[in-house]
Protein backbone atom coordinates (compact mmCIF):
# COMPACT_ATOMS: atom_id res chain seq x y z
CA MET A 1 191.58 -40.87 70.77
CA VAL A 2 190.72 -37.26 71.57
CA LYS A 3 191.31 -36.36 67.92
CA GLU A 4 188.91 -39.08 66.76
CA ILE A 5 186.20 -37.82 69.14
CA SER A 6 186.72 -34.28 67.93
CA GLU A 7 186.50 -35.35 64.29
CA ARG A 8 183.36 -37.33 65.02
CA LYS A 9 181.74 -34.31 66.69
CA GLN A 10 182.70 -32.06 63.79
CA GLY A 11 181.19 -34.53 61.34
CA TYR A 12 177.98 -34.69 63.39
CA ARG A 13 177.79 -30.89 63.57
CA ALA A 14 178.22 -30.56 59.82
CA LYS A 15 175.56 -33.19 59.18
CA LEU A 16 173.04 -31.57 61.55
CA GLU A 17 173.67 -28.11 60.06
CA SER A 18 173.13 -29.39 56.53
CA TYR A 19 169.90 -31.14 57.53
CA LEU A 20 168.58 -27.98 59.24
CA ASP A 21 169.15 -26.07 56.00
CA GLN A 22 167.97 -28.79 53.63
CA TYR A 23 164.70 -29.93 55.25
CA LYS A 24 161.69 -27.79 56.16
CA SER A 25 159.98 -30.22 58.58
CA ILE A 26 161.31 -32.11 61.59
CA LEU A 27 159.62 -34.86 63.58
CA ILE A 28 160.85 -34.92 67.18
CA VAL A 29 160.85 -38.62 68.14
CA GLU A 30 161.22 -40.40 71.48
CA ALA A 31 163.54 -43.40 71.47
CA ASP A 32 162.75 -44.95 74.86
CA ASN A 33 162.94 -48.77 74.85
CA VAL A 34 164.14 -48.77 71.21
CA GLY A 35 167.11 -51.02 70.53
CA SER A 36 169.86 -50.56 67.98
CA ASN A 37 168.48 -53.29 65.69
CA GLN A 38 165.03 -51.68 65.65
CA MET A 39 166.64 -48.28 65.07
CA GLN A 40 168.43 -49.62 62.02
CA LYS A 41 165.19 -51.05 60.61
CA ILE A 42 163.53 -47.65 61.00
CA ARG A 43 166.41 -45.97 59.16
CA ILE A 44 166.04 -48.44 56.29
CA ALA A 45 162.26 -47.94 56.14
CA LEU A 46 162.68 -44.16 55.98
CA ARG A 47 165.10 -44.16 53.07
CA GLY A 48 163.92 -41.96 50.24
CA GLN A 49 161.48 -39.94 52.33
CA ALA A 50 163.22 -38.93 55.57
CA VAL A 51 166.50 -39.02 57.54
CA LEU A 52 166.80 -40.08 61.19
CA LEU A 53 169.49 -38.39 63.28
CA MET A 54 170.18 -39.16 66.94
CA GLY A 55 172.76 -37.49 69.16
CA LYS A 56 173.56 -35.82 72.45
CA ASN A 57 171.18 -33.10 73.48
CA THR A 58 174.01 -30.72 74.39
CA ILE A 59 175.48 -30.85 70.89
CA MET A 60 172.05 -30.58 69.28
CA ARG A 61 171.18 -27.49 71.35
CA LYS A 62 174.54 -25.89 70.56
CA VAL A 63 174.16 -26.39 66.82
CA VAL A 64 170.59 -25.11 66.84
CA ARG A 65 171.62 -22.00 68.79
CA GLU A 66 174.36 -21.31 66.27
CA ARG A 67 171.93 -21.64 63.38
CA ILE A 68 169.38 -19.27 64.93
CA ALA A 69 171.28 -16.28 63.56
CA ALA A 70 170.70 -17.54 60.02
CA ASN A 71 167.23 -18.93 60.69
CA PRO A 72 165.48 -17.34 63.74
CA LYS A 73 162.58 -19.81 63.46
CA LEU A 74 164.82 -22.59 64.82
CA GLU A 75 164.60 -21.02 68.28
CA LYS A 76 161.22 -22.74 68.69
CA LEU A 77 163.05 -26.11 68.73
CA LEU A 78 165.17 -25.47 71.83
CA PRO A 79 162.49 -26.15 74.52
CA TYR A 80 161.83 -29.60 73.02
CA ILE A 81 165.41 -30.89 73.01
CA PHE A 82 165.38 -32.90 76.23
CA GLY A 83 165.25 -36.56 77.18
CA ASN A 84 165.99 -39.46 74.87
CA ILE A 85 164.94 -37.81 71.62
CA GLY A 86 166.03 -37.61 68.00
CA PHE A 87 165.21 -35.72 64.82
CA VAL A 88 163.57 -37.08 61.68
CA PHE A 89 164.17 -34.59 58.86
CA THR A 90 161.80 -34.70 55.90
CA ASN A 91 160.22 -32.76 53.06
CA ALA A 92 157.66 -35.50 52.40
CA ASP A 93 154.13 -35.94 53.72
CA LEU A 94 154.33 -35.87 57.52
CA MET A 95 151.52 -38.36 58.08
CA LYS A 96 153.14 -40.95 55.83
CA VAL A 97 156.53 -40.50 57.50
CA ARG A 98 154.99 -40.86 60.96
CA ALA A 99 153.10 -43.98 59.87
CA THR A 100 156.35 -45.50 58.59
CA ILE A 101 158.03 -44.83 61.94
CA GLN A 102 155.20 -46.28 64.02
CA GLU A 103 154.83 -49.40 61.87
CA ASN A 104 158.18 -50.68 63.16
CA LYS A 105 157.11 -52.28 66.43
CA VAL A 106 158.94 -54.90 68.45
CA PRO A 107 157.22 -57.14 71.06
CA ALA A 108 158.74 -56.78 74.51
CA ALA A 109 158.29 -58.35 77.91
CA ALA A 110 157.00 -56.33 80.85
CA ARG A 111 159.60 -54.70 83.08
CA VAL A 112 159.21 -53.91 86.76
CA GLY A 113 158.61 -50.22 87.44
CA THR A 114 157.75 -49.21 83.88
CA LEU A 115 154.39 -47.72 82.90
CA ALA A 116 152.22 -49.91 80.72
CA PRO A 117 151.91 -48.28 77.26
CA VAL A 118 148.73 -50.27 76.53
CA ASP A 119 146.18 -52.35 78.43
CA CYS A 120 147.47 -55.85 79.22
CA TRP A 121 144.95 -58.70 79.08
CA ILE A 122 145.43 -62.38 79.83
CA PRO A 123 143.07 -64.51 77.73
CA ALA A 124 140.95 -67.24 79.25
CA GLY A 125 141.99 -70.82 78.58
CA PRO A 126 144.64 -73.37 79.50
CA THR A 127 147.96 -72.07 80.82
CA GLY A 128 150.04 -75.24 80.67
CA LEU A 129 150.97 -74.85 84.34
CA ASP A 130 150.63 -77.65 86.88
CA PRO A 131 148.00 -77.50 89.67
CA GLY A 132 150.70 -76.51 92.16
CA GLN A 133 150.64 -72.99 90.70
CA THR A 134 147.00 -72.38 91.71
CA SER A 135 147.97 -70.41 94.81
CA PHE A 136 149.95 -67.99 92.66
CA PHE A 137 146.83 -67.14 90.64
CA GLN A 138 144.75 -66.84 93.81
CA ALA A 139 147.16 -64.22 95.17
CA LEU A 140 146.38 -62.10 92.10
CA ASN A 141 142.60 -62.73 92.37
CA ILE A 142 142.50 -64.64 89.09
CA GLY A 143 139.80 -67.30 88.84
CA THR A 144 141.12 -70.69 87.72
CA LYS A 145 140.09 -74.33 87.51
CA ILE A 146 141.92 -77.60 86.99
CA VAL A 147 141.25 -79.26 83.64
CA LYS A 148 143.12 -82.42 82.62
CA GLY A 149 145.88 -81.82 85.14
CA SER A 150 146.51 -78.22 84.06
CA VAL A 151 145.54 -74.82 85.42
CA GLU A 152 142.98 -73.06 83.21
CA ILE A 153 141.95 -69.40 83.53
CA VAL A 154 138.17 -69.06 83.67
CA THR A 155 137.67 -65.60 82.14
CA ASP A 156 139.77 -62.92 80.46
CA VAL A 157 141.79 -60.96 83.01
CA HIS A 158 142.58 -57.23 82.72
CA LEU A 159 145.96 -57.56 84.40
CA ILE A 160 147.61 -54.16 83.83
CA PRO A 161 145.59 -51.07 82.88
CA LYS A 162 147.23 -48.61 80.52
CA GLY A 163 149.41 -46.06 82.29
CA THR A 164 149.81 -48.03 85.54
CA LYS A 165 153.12 -49.25 86.94
CA VAL A 166 154.19 -52.84 86.33
CA THR A 167 154.76 -54.78 89.57
CA PRO A 168 156.99 -57.82 90.22
CA SER A 169 153.89 -60.02 90.47
CA HIS A 170 152.81 -58.92 86.98
CA VAL A 171 156.24 -59.69 85.56
CA SER A 172 156.38 -63.08 87.26
CA LEU A 173 152.94 -64.13 85.99
CA LEU A 174 153.58 -62.95 82.43
CA SER A 175 156.92 -64.72 82.31
CA LYS A 176 155.32 -67.96 83.55
CA LEU A 177 152.73 -67.68 80.78
CA ASP A 178 155.38 -66.65 78.22
CA ILE A 179 153.44 -63.52 77.28
CA LYS A 180 155.06 -60.40 75.87
CA PRO A 181 152.22 -57.89 76.27
CA PHE A 182 153.85 -54.69 75.06
CA PHE A 183 155.07 -53.40 71.71
CA TYR A 184 157.72 -50.73 71.70
CA SER A 185 158.25 -48.36 68.82
CA MET A 186 159.77 -44.97 68.22
CA GLY A 187 157.10 -42.44 69.16
CA VAL A 188 156.58 -39.11 67.40
CA ALA A 189 156.06 -36.49 70.11
CA TYR A 190 156.20 -33.13 68.32
CA VAL A 191 156.39 -31.68 64.83
CA TYR A 192 158.44 -28.67 63.75
CA GLU A 193 157.15 -27.13 60.54
CA ASP A 194 158.32 -23.80 59.18
CA GLY A 195 158.85 -22.19 62.57
CA SER A 196 155.85 -23.76 64.33
CA VAL A 197 155.99 -26.61 66.83
CA TYR A 198 152.85 -28.61 67.64
CA ALA A 199 151.89 -31.96 69.10
CA ALA A 200 152.00 -34.92 66.74
CA ALA A 201 148.36 -35.72 67.58
CA ILE A 202 147.34 -32.78 65.38
CA LEU A 203 148.38 -34.86 62.36
CA ASP A 204 145.37 -37.08 63.06
CA VAL A 205 143.00 -34.16 62.42
CA THR A 206 141.59 -34.44 58.89
CA GLN A 207 140.06 -31.80 56.63
CA ASP A 208 136.60 -33.17 57.42
CA ASP A 209 137.25 -32.76 61.15
CA LEU A 210 138.22 -29.12 60.65
CA LEU A 211 135.12 -28.41 58.57
CA ARG A 212 132.88 -30.19 61.08
CA ARG A 213 134.22 -28.16 63.99
CA PHE A 214 134.04 -24.93 62.01
CA PHE A 215 130.39 -25.39 61.08
CA HIS A 216 129.57 -26.46 64.63
CA GLY A 217 130.95 -23.13 65.82
CA VAL A 218 128.99 -21.26 63.15
CA THR A 219 125.81 -23.02 64.31
CA LEU A 220 126.40 -21.97 67.92
CA ILE A 221 127.09 -18.36 66.93
CA THR A 222 123.97 -18.27 64.77
CA ALA A 223 121.73 -19.64 67.51
CA LEU A 224 123.15 -17.23 70.09
CA SER A 225 122.87 -14.22 67.76
CA LEU A 226 119.26 -15.03 66.87
CA LYS A 227 118.37 -15.42 70.52
CA ILE A 228 119.80 -12.07 71.64
CA GLY A 229 118.83 -10.24 68.44
CA ILE A 230 122.28 -9.32 67.10
CA PRO A 231 122.40 -9.60 63.28
CA ASN A 232 125.52 -10.80 61.49
CA VAL A 233 126.52 -12.74 58.38
CA ALA A 234 125.59 -16.07 59.98
CA THR A 235 122.07 -14.94 60.92
CA LEU A 236 121.32 -13.17 57.62
CA PRO A 237 119.78 -16.20 55.80
CA HIS A 238 117.59 -16.99 58.82
CA SER A 239 116.49 -13.34 59.17
CA ILE A 240 115.51 -13.18 55.49
CA ALA A 241 113.59 -16.46 55.74
CA ASN A 242 111.73 -15.33 58.87
CA ALA A 243 110.87 -11.98 57.26
CA PHE A 244 109.50 -13.72 54.17
CA GLN A 245 107.35 -16.00 56.32
CA ASN A 246 105.90 -12.98 58.14
CA MET A 247 105.17 -11.14 54.87
CA LEU A 248 103.58 -14.26 53.40
CA ALA A 249 101.36 -14.71 56.46
CA ILE A 250 100.13 -11.10 56.16
CA ALA A 251 99.46 -11.46 52.42
CA LEU A 252 97.38 -14.60 52.90
CA VAL A 253 94.95 -12.95 55.31
CA THR A 254 94.73 -9.53 53.60
CA ASP A 255 94.33 -8.12 50.12
CA VAL A 256 98.00 -7.20 49.97
CA THR A 257 99.98 -9.40 47.59
CA PHE A 258 103.34 -9.71 45.90
CA LYS A 259 104.84 -11.98 43.28
CA GLU A 260 106.11 -14.70 45.62
CA ALA A 261 102.85 -14.81 47.62
CA GLN A 262 100.48 -15.04 44.65
CA PRO A 263 100.89 -18.84 44.07
CA PHE A 264 99.90 -19.49 47.69
CA LYS A 265 96.86 -17.25 47.42
CA ASP A 266 95.78 -18.92 44.16
CA TYR A 267 96.03 -22.35 45.74
CA LEU A 268 93.97 -21.38 48.77
CA ALA A 269 91.32 -19.76 46.53
CA ASP A 270 90.87 -22.85 44.29
CA PRO A 271 92.93 -25.90 45.28
CA ALA A 272 91.47 -28.18 42.60
CA GLY A 273 91.87 -25.63 39.82
CA TYR A 274 95.43 -24.81 40.87
CA ALA A 275 96.32 -28.50 40.95
CA ALA A 276 94.85 -29.12 37.50
CA LYS A 277 96.57 -26.06 36.04
CA HIS A 278 99.99 -27.08 37.31
CA GLY A 279 99.61 -30.82 36.79
CA LEU A 280 99.44 -31.65 40.47
CA ALA A 281 97.34 -34.29 42.13
CA ALA A 282 94.12 -32.73 43.42
CA ALA A 283 93.67 -32.84 47.10
CA ALA A 284 91.18 -35.48 48.15
CA PRO A 285 88.12 -33.90 49.80
CA ALA A 286 87.59 -34.69 53.39
CA ALA A 287 85.39 -37.69 53.82
CA ALA A 288 83.37 -35.99 56.48
CA ALA A 289 82.56 -33.02 54.20
CA ALA A 290 81.93 -35.04 51.03
CA ALA A 291 78.33 -35.01 49.78
CA PRO A 292 76.74 -38.40 49.04
CA ALA A 293 76.39 -39.31 45.38
CA ALA A 294 73.02 -38.65 43.69
CA GLY A 295 70.62 -41.59 43.86
CA GLY A 296 72.91 -43.35 46.25
CA LYS A 297 71.67 -41.97 49.49
CA ALA A 298 72.67 -44.36 52.15
CA ALA A 299 69.97 -45.31 54.56
CA ALA A 300 70.81 -45.02 58.15
CA PRO A 301 70.74 -48.37 59.81
CA ALA A 302 67.46 -48.87 61.57
CA ALA A 303 67.85 -48.95 65.23
CA LYS A 304 66.74 -52.14 66.72
CA GLU A 305 63.65 -51.85 68.78
CA LYS A 306 64.42 -52.34 72.34
CA GLU A 307 62.80 -55.52 73.50
CA PRO A 308 60.62 -55.06 76.56
CA GLU A 309 62.11 -56.54 79.62
CA PRO A 310 60.07 -59.45 80.93
CA GLU A 311 58.00 -58.75 84.00
CA GLU A 312 59.26 -60.29 87.12
CA GLU A 313 57.39 -63.36 88.04
CA ASP A 314 55.91 -63.34 91.47
CA GLY A 315 56.24 -67.04 91.91
CA GLY A 316 52.52 -67.49 92.56
CA PHE A 317 52.58 -65.52 95.79
CA GLY A 318 50.76 -62.42 94.46
CA ASP A 319 47.44 -63.26 96.07
CA LEU A 320 48.85 -64.80 99.17
CA PHE A 321 48.02 -61.76 101.31
CA GLY A 322 45.03 -60.61 99.22
């Protein structure tokens, strides 16, 4: 028995050493709540692009320490070998390998004391439970009504927020409703790539995201540099544009001119002629400044004579007092 265990450990060591030499990238995966059947499905899905290797952390650390002499970059792996983890060795595209791992999800019932990986909602509608269960829903502050001899939930209920602990009441209610709210899969926590270890969330950052953040930083630097008057490569185009605008403004109000300012001066001197010469639409004269056409002088509308207001009638009492 001891000999078999020793041979098994030697075989595992040889396999891990060969994988460390053969593959340049490693996905450090978490195998919490992952059963053996699901693990086997993940191994099958990864065939041809990656290799999944689980094992005891003590043996994994020992093998990695021994390989540090040949490859010092492996030392970066040691702080991440803890908990229920495994290695996925690959030379393929890391995003595709991670997607393959996360696609293998298995529905699971809620367990008391575990943290909810996602928000748990109970949809509104009939539950199939008899009216005697109404008090159970009332204890959880869930609005219900009786419809055709069955308990019906009035509105959608946010039962368990993500990251909160599952209580016995939650488990009891979900089991009564036959709801399996969670999906468990092997999670990719970290990525080892050519001596660097980083969070797997960085794989979600695209080239467009990097460019967007870079240019946002350039914009901030440019604005700050222009405000405090420190020239640099980012402010150079703006400084040249501002200088040209100042030179153009001076040329337009003085006799000084230069090649780039001449078209503006020609236009201001004769807009209609400049437009005709360059095939542009002539600017329409202002209506207020336009002279009336010859022979078509418009007559101003004659003001209506103000009608005299009628004198007040005295009602025949004008000579009453002489």
